[in-house]
Amino acid sequence: MSTDQSVERSLFDDVMVPCYSPMEMIPVKGQGSRLWDQGGNEYIDFAGGIAVSCLGHCHPVMVDALTKQANKIWHLSNVMTNEPALRLAKKLTELSFAEKVFFANSGAEANEAALKLARRWAADNYGNEKTEVIAFYQGFHGRTFFTVSVGGQASYSDGFGPKPGDITHLPYNDVEALKAHISDKTCAVMMEPLQGEGGIITPTDEFAKTVRELCDKHNALLIFDEVQTGNGRTGDFYAYQGLGITPDILSTAKSLGGGIPIGAMLTTTKLAQHFKVGVHGSTYGGNPLACAVAEAVIGEISKPSVLDGIKERESIFRECLTRLNEKYHVFSEIRGKGLLLGAVMSEKYEGKARDILVAAGKQGLLVLVAGANVVRFTPSLVISKEDIQEGFARLEKAIAEFVA
């Protein structure tokens, strides 16, 4: 066995399955909204690990929670329970409509649990004919075979053989299409309350209200995928709270752990009873380390001062993007809510969002894309105003180079 401890980007190509194409630089240290790579180069982080690093890197409340729990207990099977999991579940029910919680390791697993619960509920109450799941084009719900099939992007689900059946995709924000299709055979409607991967698309008030009304009319469950929008990202603790409608099942992950892997499915007592002992499970779900960190994370995020600060930072981001665009005219629209924002490329630069990402990286700024035409921003929810201004100074240099 090799004893060489040096790690270079080329090692990725040697030892990793090639389903990712990571940047050439390798980050080795993070603090707040700044990262440093192996060469000591500094980056402002407007990407936040794809909406995961909600308190930035190495936030003291996270480090403290992890350190304390690491000296107590790391793992228990679900033959037992543990204190952090119970405290976290109680906190989540206090912050949402939910009465019951199921813990998993990721958003995909939380969505898998949500879909299985909906199907089991329908089978128990209505028999085997009520199985249809309605979802929306450009939606994204995870990479398990069930969730990737429910997700509305065929490029992610094609090529793996026969897909799970009775899944229908409709256009997002199309009230008439939903009215025309939904029926008493529909078991559940699954949607993001703001499409993330699909381009940062906000639902209209009419669409959100109609989805809830039609689910009630046809005895179907409404599942909100809040993996990306949840835990303060939109300025409400959960995005449904800003829409004025309540789902029957909600999935959360990403920022729930602030960087440690954890996901959760939230629902009501009435629905939860259909997951009897042995029906579903997860070896690591409810892990004490992950739950202890998540408890600290949501304790911080749920503070009114933090939630108000998210809305304040959204205004700063929008002002900076507008000011940049008045000078360079690269964007046609700024979309999103809270600190889940997307800048749509103008007609002249259509399809070149990734070029902005690459140019920004060269200037020491990390951003994301949401498809080929949208530059996405999902920074820390507590990013300092100084880091925002410095990040936009770097973005301006990147855009100036891009348009030159």
Protein backbone atom coordinates (compact mmCIF):
# COMPACT_ATOMS: atom_id res chain seq x y z
CA MET A 1 0.00 0.00 0.00
CA SER A 2 1.25 3.46 -0.93
CA THR A 3 2.37 5.68 1.95
CA ASP A 4 2.40 8.84 -0.19
CA GLN A 5 0.05 11.33 1.51
CA SER A 6 0.11 14.00 -1.22
CA VAL A 7 -3.27 14.57 -2.87
CA GLU A 8 -3.57 16.17 -6.29
CA ARG A 9 -6.59 16.76 -8.50
CA SER A 10 -5.32 14.06 -10.89
CA LEU A 11 -5.95 11.48 -8.16
CA PHE A 12 -9.68 12.05 -8.64
CA ASP A 13 -9.42 10.70 -12.19
CA ASP A 14 -7.47 7.68 -10.93
CA VAL A 15 -9.68 6.57 -8.04
CA MET A 16 -13.15 8.16 -8.29
CA VAL A 17 -16.17 7.04 -10.31
CA PRO A 18 -16.36 9.68 -13.07
CA CYS A 19 -19.92 10.92 -12.45
CA TYR A 20 -18.57 14.30 -11.30
CA SER A 21 -16.24 16.78 -12.94
CA PRO A 22 -14.89 18.85 -10.04
CA MET A 23 -12.90 22.07 -10.32
CA GLU A 24 -9.14 21.82 -10.54
CA MET A 25 -8.57 23.44 -7.14
CA ILE A 26 -9.04 21.46 -3.91
CA PRO A 27 -10.32 23.43 -0.89
CA VAL A 28 -8.59 22.53 2.37
CA LYS A 29 -9.95 25.12 4.82
CA GLY A 30 -13.12 27.13 5.32
CA GLN A 31 -14.10 29.87 7.73
CA GLY A 32 -17.39 31.71 7.47
CA SER A 33 -17.98 32.50 3.79
CA ARG A 34 -14.35 32.14 2.74
CA LEU A 35 -12.43 29.10 1.50
CA TRP A 36 -8.75 28.44 0.91
CA ASP A 37 -7.29 25.87 -1.49
CA GLN A 38 -4.08 23.86 -1.35
CA GLY A 39 -2.12 26.79 -2.77
CA GLY A 40 -3.43 29.22 -0.17
CA ASN A 41 -5.69 30.99 -2.67
CA GLU A 42 -8.79 32.55 -1.07
CA TYR A 43 -12.35 32.31 -2.39
CA ILE A 44 -15.60 34.04 -1.43
CA ASP A 45 -18.32 31.39 -1.24
CA PHE A 46 -21.63 32.36 -2.89
CA ALA A 47 -22.37 28.65 -3.57
CA GLY A 48 -22.62 27.31 -0.03
CA GLY A 49 -22.13 23.71 -1.09
CA ILE A 50 -25.36 23.95 -3.14
CA ALA A 51 -27.46 25.52 -0.38
CA VAL A 52 -26.00 23.28 2.34
CA SER A 53 -23.52 25.46 4.24
CA CYS A 54 -26.24 27.68 5.68
CA LEU A 55 -24.08 29.01 8.51
CA GLY A 56 -20.91 29.11 6.43
CA HIS A 57 -17.87 26.98 7.19
CA CYS A 58 -16.93 25.90 10.73
CA HIS A 59 -19.53 28.04 12.49
CA PRO A 60 -18.87 27.95 16.26
CA VAL A 61 -22.31 26.54 17.18
CA MET A 62 -21.77 23.63 14.76
CA VAL A 63 -18.22 22.93 15.89
CA ASP A 64 -19.29 23.04 19.52
CA ALA A 65 -22.27 20.70 18.99
CA LEU A 66 -20.20 18.20 17.01
CA THR A 67 -17.32 18.24 19.52
CA LYS A 68 -19.57 17.72 22.51
CA GLN A 69 -21.52 14.89 20.89
CA ALA A 70 -18.33 13.25 19.56
CA ASN A 71 -17.29 12.72 23.15
CA LYS A 72 -20.63 11.13 24.09
CA ILE A 73 -21.98 8.66 21.52
CA TRP A 74 -21.69 8.38 17.73
CA HIS A 75 -24.07 5.69 16.58
CA LEU A 76 -26.99 3.60 17.77
CA SER A 77 -29.15 1.34 15.66
CA ASN A 78 -32.86 2.08 15.53
CA VAL A 79 -33.39 -0.73 18.01
CA MET A 80 -32.79 2.19 20.36
CA THR A 81 -33.39 5.93 20.19
CA ASN A 82 -31.17 8.80 21.27
CA GLU A 83 -31.44 12.21 22.89
CA PRO A 84 -30.25 14.42 19.98
CA ALA A 85 -32.72 12.77 17.57
CA LEU A 86 -35.64 13.30 19.95
CA ARG A 87 -34.70 16.91 20.67
CA LEU A 88 -34.29 17.66 16.96
CA ALA A 89 -37.61 16.02 16.06
CA LYS A 90 -39.39 18.03 18.74
CA LYS A 91 -37.81 21.25 17.46
CA LEU A 92 -38.86 20.50 13.87
CA THR A 93 -42.46 19.88 14.93
CA GLU A 94 -42.43 23.17 16.82
CA LEU A 95 -41.20 25.04 13.75
CA SER A 96 -43.60 23.49 11.23
CA PHE A 97 -47.04 21.97 10.67
CA ALA A 98 -45.63 18.50 11.34
CA GLU A 99 -46.36 16.24 14.28
CA LYS A 100 -44.08 13.35 13.35
CA VAL A 101 -40.55 13.08 11.90
CA PHE A 102 -38.59 10.35 10.10
CA PHE A 103 -34.83 10.83 9.83
CA ALA A 104 -32.69 9.80 6.86
CA ASN A 105 -29.26 10.72 5.49
CA SER A 106 -30.10 12.88 2.47
CA GLY A 107 -32.78 14.71 0.56
CA ALA A 108 -33.22 11.80 -1.83
CA GLU A 109 -33.87 9.44 1.07
CA ALA A 110 -36.30 11.88 2.68
CA ASN A 111 -38.16 12.10 -0.64
CA GLU A 112 -38.09 8.32 -1.05
CA ALA A 113 -39.71 8.02 2.38
CA ALA A 114 -42.30 10.67 1.45
CA LEU A 115 -43.27 8.89 -1.75
CA LYS A 116 -43.43 5.48 -0.09
CA LEU A 117 -45.59 6.87 2.71
CA ALA A 118 -47.98 8.42 0.18
CA ARG A 119 -48.29 5.15 -1.74
CA ARG A 120 -48.78 3.14 1.47
CA TRP A 121 -51.41 5.61 2.74
CA ALA A 122 -53.32 5.34 -0.54
CA ALA A 123 -53.14 1.54 -0.58
CA ASP A 124 -54.33 1.27 3.02
CA ASN A 125 -57.23 3.69 2.52
CA TYR A 126 -58.28 3.29 -1.11
CA GLY A 127 -56.83 0.03 -2.45
CA ASN A 128 -54.37 -0.57 -5.27
CA GLU A 129 -55.91 1.70 -7.92
CA LYS A 130 -54.90 5.02 -6.35
CA THR A 131 -51.18 5.08 -7.17
CA GLU A 132 -50.51 8.00 -9.54
CA VAL A 133 -47.82 10.49 -8.53
CA ILE A 134 -47.98 13.85 -10.30
CA ALA A 135 -44.77 15.88 -10.46
CA PHE A 136 -43.51 18.71 -12.65
CA TYR A 137 -41.12 19.15 -15.55
CA GLN A 138 -37.68 20.45 -14.55
CA GLY A 139 -38.29 19.37 -10.96
CA PHE A 140 -35.53 17.62 -9.06
CA HIS A 141 -36.15 15.22 -6.18
CA GLY A 142 -32.98 13.13 -5.80
CA ARG A 143 -31.01 10.35 -7.43
CA THR A 144 -32.57 7.15 -6.11
CA PHE A 145 -34.41 5.35 -8.90
CA PHE A 146 -37.83 6.32 -7.55
CA THR A 147 -36.97 9.97 -6.84
CA VAL A 148 -35.07 10.51 -10.09
CA SER A 149 -38.05 9.11 -11.99
CA VAL A 150 -40.41 11.48 -10.17
CA GLY A 151 -38.02 14.33 -10.95
CA GLY A 152 -38.98 16.00 -14.20
CA GLN A 153 -35.66 15.81 -16.06
CA ALA A 154 -35.49 12.74 -18.28
CA SER A 155 -31.76 13.16 -18.87
CA TYR A 156 -31.20 12.11 -15.24
CA SER A 157 -33.53 9.09 -15.30
CA ASP A 158 -33.13 7.65 -18.81
CA GLY A 159 -30.77 4.78 -19.52
CA PHE A 160 -31.33 2.65 -16.42
CA GLY A 161 -34.03 0.32 -17.69
CA PRO A 162 -37.74 0.31 -16.84
CA LYS A 163 -38.74 3.14 -14.51
CA PRO A 164 -41.16 2.96 -11.59
CA GLY A 165 -44.67 3.28 -12.98
CA ASP A 166 -47.64 5.60 -12.64
CA ILE A 167 -45.67 8.84 -12.56
CA THR A 168 -47.00 11.80 -14.56
CA HIS A 169 -45.15 15.03 -15.33
CA LEU A 170 -46.94 18.31 -15.98
CA PRO A 171 -45.71 21.88 -16.63
CA TYR A 172 -44.92 23.84 -13.45
CA ASN A 173 -47.20 26.83 -12.87
CA ASP A 174 -49.76 25.51 -15.40
CA VAL A 175 -53.05 25.52 -13.49
CA GLU A 176 -55.15 24.33 -16.41
CA ALA A 177 -52.91 21.34 -17.17
CA LEU A 178 -53.17 20.20 -13.56
CA LYS A 179 -56.94 20.68 -13.48
CA ALA A 180 -57.30 18.69 -16.69
CA HIS A 181 -55.22 15.74 -15.49
CA ILE A 182 -55.58 15.18 -11.74
CA SER A 183 -58.17 12.56 -10.77
CA ASP A 184 -59.31 10.34 -7.91
CA LYS A 185 -56.58 7.90 -8.97
CA THR A 186 -53.95 10.47 -8.06
CA CYS A 187 -52.21 9.44 -4.87
CA ALA A 188 -49.93 12.47 -4.43
CA VAL A 189 -48.66 15.66 -6.04
CA MET A 190 -44.98 16.30 -5.40
CA MET A 191 -43.49 19.73 -5.99
CA GLU A 192 -40.79 22.15 -4.96
CA PRO A 193 -42.27 25.37 -3.53
CA LEU A 194 -39.57 27.08 -5.60
CA GLN A 195 -37.86 25.04 -8.30
CA GLY A 196 -34.11 25.01 -7.68
CA GLU A 197 -32.24 22.86 -10.21
CA GLY A 198 -34.93 23.68 -12.79
CA GLY A 199 -33.93 27.34 -13.00
CA ILE A 200 -35.08 29.10 -9.78
CA ILE A 201 -38.76 29.19 -10.71
CA THR A 202 -41.22 30.66 -8.19
CA PRO A 203 -44.78 29.30 -8.14
CA THR A 204 -47.56 31.77 -8.78
CA ASP A 205 -49.98 32.30 -5.90
CA GLU A 206 -52.77 30.87 -8.05
CA PHE A 207 -50.77 27.74 -8.85
CA ALA A 208 -49.82 27.04 -5.23
CA LYS A 209 -53.39 27.60 -4.03
CA THR A 210 -54.87 25.46 -6.81
CA VAL A 211 -52.52 22.54 -6.17
CA ARG A 212 -53.68 22.44 -2.54
CA GLU A 213 -57.36 22.74 -3.50
CA LEU A 214 -57.15 20.01 -6.14
CA CYS A 215 -55.33 17.64 -3.79
CA ASP A 216 -58.13 18.14 -1.25
CA LYS A 217 -60.81 17.64 -3.91
CA HIS A 218 -59.34 14.34 -5.14
CA ASN A 219 -58.11 13.00 -1.77
CA ALA A 220 -54.48 13.22 -2.86
CA LEU A 221 -51.54 14.14 -0.65
CA LEU A 222 -49.47 17.25 -1.28
CA ILE A 223 -45.74 16.60 -0.85
CA PHE A 224 -43.45 19.60 -0.66
CA ASP A 225 -39.81 18.95 -1.48
CA GLU A 226 -38.09 21.57 0.68
CA VAL A 227 -34.66 19.99 0.44
CA GLN A 228 -33.24 23.18 -1.07
CA THR A 229 -35.80 25.77 0.08
CA GLY A 230 -36.06 24.73 3.73
CA ASN A 231 -34.42 25.82 6.97
CA GLY A 232 -34.52 29.55 6.33
CA ARG A 233 -33.28 29.61 2.75
CA THR A 234 -36.21 31.70 1.44
CA GLY A 235 -36.51 33.91 4.52
CA ASP A 236 -39.31 31.82 6.05
CA PHE A 237 -38.21 28.80 8.06
CA TYR A 238 -39.95 26.65 5.47
CA ALA A 239 -41.00 28.06 2.12
CA TYR A 240 -44.59 26.80 2.43
CA GLN A 241 -45.06 29.30 5.25
CA GLY A 242 -44.53 32.14 2.78
CA LEU A 243 -47.00 30.64 0.29
CA GLY A 244 -49.90 30.42 2.71
CA ILE A 245 -50.63 26.74 2.03
CA THR A 246 -49.66 23.67 4.03
CA PRO A 247 -48.46 20.36 2.59
CA ASP A 248 -49.29 16.92 4.01
CA ILE A 249 -45.69 15.74 3.83
CA LEU A 250 -42.48 17.79 3.69
CA SER A 251 -38.91 16.70 3.00
CA THR A 252 -35.89 18.59 4.26
CA ALA A 253 -32.12 18.06 4.06
CA LYS A 254 -29.23 20.14 2.65
CA SER A 255 -29.04 23.05 5.13
CA LEU A 256 -30.68 21.01 7.90
CA GLY A 257 -27.25 19.80 8.98
CA GLY A 258 -25.24 22.79 7.78
CA GLY A 259 -22.78 20.42 6.10
CA ILE A 260 -23.22 17.14 7.98
CA PRO A 261 -25.36 14.59 6.08
CA ILE A 262 -28.92 14.42 7.38
CA GLY A 263 -32.42 14.47 5.92
CA ALA A 264 -35.90 14.30 7.38
CA MET A 265 -39.46 13.62 6.31
CA LEU A 266 -42.06 15.62 8.24
CA THR A 267 -45.75 14.71 8.36
CA THR A 268 -48.87 14.42 10.51
CA THR A 269 -49.71 11.83 13.13
CA LYS A 270 -52.61 10.60 10.99
CA LEU A 271 -50.37 9.89 8.01
CA ALA A 272 -47.42 8.62 10.04
CA GLN A 273 -49.45 5.71 11.42
CA HIS A 274 -49.24 4.05 7.99
CA PHE A 275 -45.50 3.50 8.55
CA LYS A 276 -45.88 0.72 11.08
CA VAL A 277 -42.84 -1.05 12.57
CA GLY A 278 -40.82 -2.70 9.79
CA VAL A 279 -42.46 -0.86 6.89
CA HIS A 280 -39.56 1.54 6.33
CA GLY A 281 -36.22 2.28 7.93
CA SER A 282 -32.68 3.63 7.73
CA THR A 283 -29.54 2.31 9.42
CA TYR A 284 -28.04 5.74 9.94
CA GLY A 285 -31.28 7.74 10.11
CA GLY A 286 -31.37 9.67 13.36
CA ASN A 287 -27.62 9.39 13.88
CA PRO A 288 -26.70 11.14 17.17
CA LEU A 289 -23.79 13.11 15.67
CA ALA A 290 -25.83 14.39 12.74
CA CYS A 291 -28.86 15.19 14.89
CA ALA A 292 -26.79 17.06 17.47
CA VAL A 293 -25.32 19.29 14.77
CA ALA A 294 -28.69 19.79 13.06
CA GLU A 295 -30.24 20.75 16.38
CA ALA A 296 -27.63 23.49 16.79
CA VAL A 297 -28.05 24.62 13.17
CA ILE A 298 -31.81 25.08 13.26
CA GLY A 299 -31.60 26.60 16.72
CA GLU A 300 -29.46 29.33 15.16
CA ILE A 301 -31.38 29.71 11.89
CA SER A 302 -34.81 29.90 13.54
CA LYS A 303 -33.85 33.01 15.51
CA PRO A 304 -35.98 35.93 14.26
CA SER A 305 -32.86 38.05 13.85
CA VAL A 306 -31.34 35.48 11.47
CA LEU A 307 -34.53 35.08 9.42
CA ASP A 308 -34.88 38.86 9.15
CA GLY A 309 -31.21 39.05 8.16
CA ILE A 310 -31.84 36.67 5.24
CA LYS A 311 -34.40 39.06 3.76
CA GLU A 312 -31.99 41.96 4.28
CA ARG A 313 -29.21 40.06 2.49
CA GLU A 314 -31.58 39.21 -0.36
CA SER A 315 -32.11 42.94 -0.92
CA ILE A 316 -28.36 43.54 -1.01
CA PHE A 317 -27.83 40.71 -3.51
CA ARG A 318 -30.61 42.02 -5.74
CA GLU A 319 -29.27 45.58 -5.59
CA CYS A 320 -25.73 44.43 -6.44
CA LEU A 321 -26.93 42.22 -9.31
CA THR A 322 -29.09 45.02 -10.70
CA ARG A 323 -26.23 47.50 -10.51
CA LEU A 324 -23.88 45.08 -12.25
CA ASN A 325 -26.43 44.37 -14.94
CA GLU A 326 -27.06 48.05 -15.66
CA LYS A 327 -23.39 48.23 -16.60
CA TYR A 328 -22.87 44.92 -18.44
CA HIS A 329 -26.37 43.79 -19.59
CA VAL A 330 -25.67 40.07 -19.20
CA PHE A 331 -28.86 39.14 -17.34
CA SER A 332 -32.51 39.39 -18.36
CA GLU A 333 -34.10 38.68 -14.97
CA ILE A 334 -33.28 38.10 -11.30
CA ARG A 335 -35.38 35.25 -9.89
CA GLY A 336 -35.94 33.54 -6.57
CA LYS A 337 -36.53 34.38 -2.95
CA GLY A 338 -34.37 34.86 0.12
CA LEU A 339 -30.87 33.56 -0.58
CA LEU A 340 -31.95 31.15 -3.31
CA LEU A 341 -31.48 33.49 -6.26
CA GLY A 342 -30.93 33.05 -9.96
CA ALA A 343 -29.69 35.48 -12.61
CA VAL A 344 -31.04 34.53 -16.04
CA MET A 345 -28.67 35.06 -18.95
CA SER A 346 -29.80 37.66 -21.49
CA GLU A 347 -30.60 36.69 -25.06
CA LYS A 348 -27.13 37.72 -26.26
CA TYR A 349 -25.45 35.35 -23.79
CA GLU A 350 -28.06 32.60 -23.72
CA GLY A 351 -26.78 29.22 -22.51
CA LYS A 352 -23.53 30.62 -21.11
CA ALA A 353 -24.19 30.53 -17.36
CA ARG A 354 -21.32 28.11 -16.85
CA ASP A 355 -18.95 30.57 -18.50
CA ILE A 356 -19.80 33.03 -15.71
CA LEU A 357 -19.17 30.30 -13.12
CA VAL A 358 -15.74 29.56 -14.57
CA ALA A 359 -14.80 33.24 -14.90
CA ALA A 360 -15.91 33.88 -11.31
CA GLY A 361 -13.80 30.98 -10.06
CA LYS A 362 -10.72 32.53 -11.66
CA GLN A 363 -11.42 35.73 -9.71
CA GLY A 364 -11.80 33.89 -6.41
CA LEU A 365 -15.60 33.67 -6.26
CA LEU A 366 -17.66 30.47 -6.10
CA VAL A 367 -21.12 30.53 -7.70
CA LEU A 368 -23.44 27.86 -9.14
CA VAL A 369 -25.62 27.32 -12.17
CA ALA A 370 -29.20 26.07 -12.43
CA GLY A 371 -29.26 24.68 -15.94
CA ALA A 372 -27.39 26.23 -18.84
CA ASN A 373 -29.03 29.63 -18.60
CA VAL A 374 -29.16 30.62 -14.92
CA VAL A 375 -26.34 31.65 -12.58
CA ARG A 376 -27.39 30.51 -9.09
CA PHE A 377 -26.49 32.02 -5.72
CA THR A 378 -26.99 30.06 -2.48
CA PRO A 379 -24.57 31.60 0.02
CA SER A 380 -24.46 31.25 3.78
CA LEU A 381 -27.59 32.67 5.37
CA VAL A 382 -25.38 34.70 7.73
CA ILE A 383 -22.79 35.84 5.18
CA SER A 384 -21.30 39.17 6.25
CA LYS A 385 -22.12 42.29 4.27
CA GLU A 386 -18.38 42.80 3.76
CA ASP A 387 -18.11 39.38 2.12
CA ILE A 388 -21.12 40.15 -0.09
CA GLN A 389 -19.51 43.38 -1.31
CA GLU A 390 -16.14 41.71 -1.87
CA GLY A 391 -17.84 38.85 -3.70
CA PHE A 392 -19.60 41.24 -6.05
CA ALA A 393 -16.36 43.12 -6.68
CA ARG A 394 -14.91 39.81 -7.85
CA LEU A 395 -18.04 38.99 -9.86
CA GLU A 396 -17.74 42.32 -11.66
CA LYS A 397 -14.17 41.50 -12.65
CA ALA A 398 -15.36 38.11 -13.93
CA ILE A 399 -18.23 39.59 -15.93
CA ALA A 400 -15.99 42.32 -17.38
CA GLU A 401 -13.65 39.61 -18.61
CA PHE A 402 -16.59 37.51 -19.85
CA VAL A 403 -18.05 40.29 -22.03
CA ALA A 404 -14.69 41.56 -23.31
